C-alpha atoms as a PDB file:
ATOM      1  CA  MET A   1      37.100  28.431  42.442  1.00  0.00           C
ATOM      2  CA  ARG A   2      39.266  26.451  40.070  1.00  0.00           C
ATOM      3  CA  THR A   3      38.989  27.004  36.332  1.00  0.00           C
ATOM      4  CA  PHE A   4      36.392  24.937  34.469  1.00  0.00           C
ATOM      5  CA  THR A   5      38.336  23.028  31.802  1.00  0.00           C
ATOM      6  CA  LEU A   6      37.528  21.194  28.598  1.00  0.00           C
ATOM      7  CA  ASP A   7      38.065  17.941  30.507  1.00  0.00           C
ATOM      8  CA  ASP A   8      35.491  19.101  33.093  1.00  0.00           C
ATOM      9  CA  ALA A   9      33.013  19.730  30.272  1.00  0.00           C
ATOM     10  CA  ILE A  10      33.651  16.275  28.782  1.00  0.00           C
ATOM     11  CA  GLN A  11      33.240  14.536  32.144  1.00  0.00           C
ATOM     12  CA  LEU A  12      30.054  16.491  32.893  1.00  0.00           C
ATOM     13  CA  ALA A  13      28.617  15.558  29.474  1.00  0.00           C
ATOM     14  CA  ARG A  14      29.559  11.893  30.003  1.00  0.00           C
ATOM     15  CA  ARG A  15      27.735  11.824  33.365  1.00  0.00           C
ATOM     16  CA  ALA A  16      24.724  13.787  32.095  1.00  0.00           C
ATOM     17  CA  HIS A  17      24.214  11.608  28.991  1.00  0.00           C
ATOM     18  CA  GLU A  18      24.968   8.318  30.771  1.00  0.00           C
ATOM     19  CA  GLY A  19      22.430   5.686  29.736  1.00  0.00           C
ATOM     20  CA  GLN A  20      21.065   7.769  26.845  1.00  0.00           C
ATOM     21  CA  LEU A  21      21.018   6.180  23.391  1.00  0.00           C
ATOM     22  CA  ASP A  22      20.845   7.828  19.979  1.00  0.00           C
ATOM     23  CA  LYS A  23      18.165   7.027  17.378  1.00  0.00           C
ATOM     24  CA  SER A  24      20.118   3.959  16.273  1.00  0.00           C
ATOM     25  CA  GLY A  25      20.591   2.595  19.788  1.00  0.00           C
ATOM     26  CA  ARG A  26      24.232   3.593  20.312  1.00  0.00           C
ATOM     27  CA  PRO A  27      25.508   5.503  23.381  1.00  0.00           C
ATOM     28  CA  TYR A  28      24.495   9.141  22.903  1.00  0.00           C
ATOM     29  CA  ILE A  29      27.739  10.630  24.274  1.00  0.00           C
ATOM     30  CA  ALA A  30      29.531   9.654  21.062  1.00  0.00           C
ATOM     31  CA  HIS A  31      27.574  12.387  19.212  1.00  0.00           C
ATOM     32  CA  PRO A  32      28.725  15.391  21.295  1.00  0.00           C
ATOM     33  CA  LEU A  33      32.259  14.003  21.292  1.00  0.00           C
ATOM     34  CA  ARG A  34      32.227  13.803  17.478  1.00  0.00           C
ATOM     35  CA  VAL A  35      30.772  17.336  17.257  1.00  0.00           C
ATOM     36  CA  MET A  36      33.593  18.513  19.533  1.00  0.00           C
ATOM     37  CA  GLY A  37      36.048  17.050  17.036  1.00  0.00           C
ATOM     38  CA  GLY A  38      34.472  19.150  14.288  1.00  0.00           C
ATOM     39  CA  VAL A  39      35.235  22.541  15.845  1.00  0.00           C
ATOM     40  CA  THR A  40      38.324  24.397  17.017  1.00  0.00           C
ATOM     41  CA  GLY A  41      39.264  26.402  20.069  1.00  0.00           C
ATOM     42  CA  THR A  42      38.514  25.648  23.692  1.00  0.00           C
ATOM     43  CA  HIS A  43      35.233  27.566  23.896  1.00  0.00           C
ATOM     44  CA  GLN A  44      33.832  25.948  20.738  1.00  0.00           C
ATOM     45  CA  ARG A  45      34.950  22.515  21.948  1.00  0.00           C
ATOM     46  CA  MET A  46      33.374  23.033  25.389  1.00  0.00           C
ATOM     47  CA  THR A  47      30.147  24.223  23.804  1.00  0.00           C
ATOM     48  CA  ALA A  48      30.159  21.279  21.400  1.00  0.00           C
ATOM     49  CA  VAL A  49      30.467  18.638  24.102  1.00  0.00           C
ATOM     50  CA  LEU A  50      27.822  20.428  26.212  1.00  0.00           C
ATOM     51  CA  HIS A  51      25.505  21.366  23.319  1.00  0.00           C
ATOM     52  CA  ASP A  52      22.724  18.900  24.250  1.00  0.00           C
ATOM     53  CA  VAL A  53      23.234  18.799  28.021  1.00  0.00           C
ATOM     54  CA  VAL A  54      20.778  21.586  28.922  1.00  0.00           C
ATOM     55  CA  GLU A  55      18.233  20.551  26.295  1.00  0.00           C
ATOM     56  CA  ASP A  56      18.303  16.779  26.923  1.00  0.00           C
ATOM     57  CA  THR A  57      19.316  16.225  30.577  1.00  0.00           C
ATOM     58  CA  ASP A  58      18.624  17.635  34.043  1.00  0.00           C
ATOM     59  CA  VAL A  59      21.685  19.917  33.899  1.00  0.00           C
ATOM     60  CA  THR A  60      20.781  23.622  33.816  1.00  0.00           C
ATOM     61  CA  LEU A  61      22.629  26.746  32.759  1.00  0.00           C
ATOM     62  CA  ASP A  62      22.716  27.690  36.453  1.00  0.00           C
ATOM     63  CA  ASP A  63      24.461  24.379  37.192  1.00  0.00           C
ATOM     64  CA  LEU A  64      27.062  25.144  34.518  1.00  0.00           C
ATOM     65  CA  ALA A  65      27.565  28.658  35.909  1.00  0.00           C
ATOM     66  CA  ARG A  66      27.980  27.289  39.449  1.00  0.00           C
ATOM     67  CA  LEU A  67      30.667  24.924  38.163  1.00  0.00           C
ATOM     68  CA  GLY A  68      32.568  27.878  36.707  1.00  0.00           C
ATOM     69  CA  CYS A  69      31.793  27.346  33.030  1.00  0.00           C
ATOM     70  CA  PRO A  70      33.154  30.369  31.103  1.00  0.00           C
ATOM     71  CA  PRO A  71      30.562  33.073  30.296  1.00  0.00           C
ATOM     72  CA  GLU A  72      31.229  32.735  26.540  1.00  0.00           C
ATOM     73  CA  VAL A  73      30.431  29.018  26.733  1.00  0.00           C
ATOM     74  CA  LEU A  74      27.332  29.622  28.875  1.00  0.00           C
ATOM     75  CA  ALA A  75      26.041  32.127  26.314  1.00  0.00           C
ATOM     76  CA  ALA A  76      26.717  29.715  23.444  1.00  0.00           C
ATOM     77  CA  VAL A  77      25.089  26.752  25.246  1.00  0.00           C
ATOM     78  CA  ALA A  78      22.069  28.962  25.988  1.00  0.00           C
ATOM     79  CA  ALA A  79      21.888  29.948  22.311  1.00  0.00           C
ATOM     80  CA  ILE A  80      22.128  26.376  21.012  1.00  0.00           C
ATOM     81  CA  SER A  81      19.665  24.870  23.523  1.00  0.00           C
ATOM     82  CA  LYS A  82      16.206  24.770  21.927  1.00  0.00           C
ATOM     83  CA  GLU A  83      13.373  25.764  24.234  1.00  0.00           C
ATOM     84  CA  PRO A  84      10.273  23.543  24.467  1.00  0.00           C
ATOM     85  CA  ASP A  85       7.749  24.495  21.746  1.00  0.00           C
ATOM     86  CA  GLU A  86      10.124  27.138  20.365  1.00  0.00           C
ATOM     87  CA  PRO A  87       9.590  27.815  16.649  1.00  0.00           C
ATOM     88  CA  GLN A  88      12.521  26.525  14.596  1.00  0.00           C
ATOM     89  CA  GLN A  89      13.157  29.879  12.882  1.00  0.00           C
ATOM     90  CA  ARG A  90      13.429  31.728  16.212  1.00  0.00           C
ATOM     91  CA  TYR A  91      15.774  29.047  17.536  1.00  0.00           C
ATOM     92  CA  LEU A  92      18.007  29.236  14.453  1.00  0.00           C
ATOM     93  CA  ASP A  93      18.070  33.051  14.627  1.00  0.00           C
ATOM     94  CA  ARG A  94      19.372  32.775  18.204  1.00  0.00           C
ATOM     95  CA  VAL A  95      22.017  30.251  17.122  1.00  0.00           C
ATOM     96  CA  LYS A  96      23.055  32.446  14.186  1.00  0.00           C
ATOM     97  CA  ALA A  97      23.530  35.459  16.485  1.00  0.00           C
ATOM     98  CA  ASN A  98      26.201  33.671  18.557  1.00  0.00           C
ATOM     99  CA  PRO A  99      29.394  32.850  16.603  1.00  0.00           C
ATOM    100  CA  ILE A 100      30.372  29.958  18.898  1.00  0.00           C
ATOM    101  CA  ALA A 101      26.877  28.438  18.788  1.00  0.00           C
ATOM    102  CA  LEU A 102      26.793  28.866  15.004  1.00  0.00           C
ATOM    103  CA  ALA A 103      30.067  26.973  14.520  1.00  0.00           C
ATOM    104  CA  VAL A 104      28.898  24.204  16.854  1.00  0.00           C
ATOM    105  CA  LYS A 105      25.469  23.964  15.199  1.00  0.00           C
ATOM    106  CA  ARG A 106      27.109  23.532  11.797  1.00  0.00           C
ATOM    107  CA  ALA A 107      29.290  20.724  13.221  1.00  0.00           C
ATOM    108  CA  ASP A 108      26.212  19.217  14.909  1.00  0.00           C
ATOM    109  CA  ILE A 109      24.290  19.153  11.628  1.00  0.00           C
ATOM    110  CA  ALA A 110      27.291  17.704   9.786  1.00  0.00           C
ATOM    111  CA  ASP A 111      27.523  14.879  12.306  1.00  0.00           C
ATOM    112  CA  ASN A 112      23.772  14.278  12.222  1.00  0.00           C
ATOM    113  CA  MET A 113      23.881  14.058   8.414  1.00  0.00           C
ATOM    114  CA  SER A 114      26.918  11.764   8.267  1.00  0.00           C
ATOM    115  CA  ALA A 115      26.538   8.618   6.189  1.00  0.00           C
ATOM    116  CA  ASP A 116      27.270   6.505   9.253  1.00  0.00           C
ATOM    117  CA  ARG A 117      24.449   8.027  11.313  1.00  0.00           C
ATOM    118  CA  MET A 118      21.958   8.291   8.465  1.00  0.00           C
ATOM    119  CA  GLY A 119      22.665   4.746   7.309  1.00  0.00           C
ATOM    120  CA  ARG A 120      21.384   3.378  10.608  1.00  0.00           C
ATOM    121  CA  LEU A 121      17.947   4.986  10.175  1.00  0.00           C
ATOM    122  CA  ASP A 122      14.943   3.892   8.133  1.00  0.00           C
ATOM    123  CA  ASP A 123      14.368   5.622   4.783  1.00  0.00           C
ATOM    124  CA  ALA A 124      11.454   7.782   5.963  1.00  0.00           C
ATOM    125  CA  THR A 125      13.431   9.082   8.954  1.00  0.00           C
ATOM    126  CA  GLN A 126      16.473   9.734   6.758  1.00  0.00           C
ATOM    127  CA  GLU A 127      14.399  11.795   4.329  1.00  0.00           C
ATOM    128  CA  ARG A 128      12.650  13.771   7.097  1.00  0.00           C
ATOM    129  CA  LEU A 129      15.946  14.573   8.792  1.00  0.00           C
ATOM    130  CA  ARG A 130      17.711  15.494   5.531  1.00  0.00           C
ATOM    131  CA  ARG A 131      14.950  18.025   4.784  1.00  0.00           C
ATOM    132  CA  LYS A 132      15.123  19.397   8.326  1.00  0.00           C
ATOM    133  CA  TYR A 133      18.911  19.772   8.294  1.00  0.00           C
ATOM    134  CA  HIS A 134      19.106  21.258   4.795  1.00  0.00           C
ATOM    135  CA  GLU A 135      16.419  23.776   5.739  1.00  0.00           C
ATOM    136  CA  ALA A 136      18.339  24.669   8.921  1.00  0.00           C
ATOM    137  CA  LEU A 137      21.556  25.188   6.954  1.00  0.00           C
ATOM    138  CA  ARG A 138      19.727  27.421   4.455  1.00  0.00           C
ATOM    139  CA  HIS A 139      18.419  29.527   7.330  1.00  0.00           C
ATOM    140  CA  LEU A 140      21.814  29.712   9.026  1.00  0.00           C
ATOM    141  CA  ASP A 141      23.322  30.802   5.689  1.00  0.00           C
ATOM    142  CA  GLY A 142      20.689  33.538   5.342  1.00  0.00           C
ATOM    143  CA  GLN A 143      19.022  31.881   2.354  1.00  0.00           C
ATOM    144  CA  PRO A 144      15.239  31.894   1.902  1.00  0.00           C
ATOM    145  CA  SER A 145      13.242  28.898   3.077  1.00  0.00           C
ATOM    146  CA  SER A 146      12.442  26.257   0.494  1.00  0.00           C
ATOM    147  CA  SER A 147       8.979  25.677   1.944  1.00  0.00           C
END
């Protein structure tokens, strides 16, 4: 089997997210590509571009494994993929336990909180998301919850 490359991960993410739009109506794939630009190293970059594939598309971890995705990336994608009805604290603890997932989650939150993305949302949604992301960062930093 040939080696699964960063380009393979990008192409898989492009196909998987095809037709999906973000909250402001723009093509969703731009988000994982921006997150990828916010991390370093091949495994972090692969995880970044794939970080929403398992959670938001029909692609599974088994699919990624069959394609030859590196074990470190599979573990990080598993850690960063929120399970249905999973409590937020448990999810963030799983992310925090995987260094690759943690770096990608920080880049994900940074992109989600960018002025460009936030500026396209209504005030109530902006406020709700700011609270959510600040609380997540506090948890990832090991700080007590503000609620």
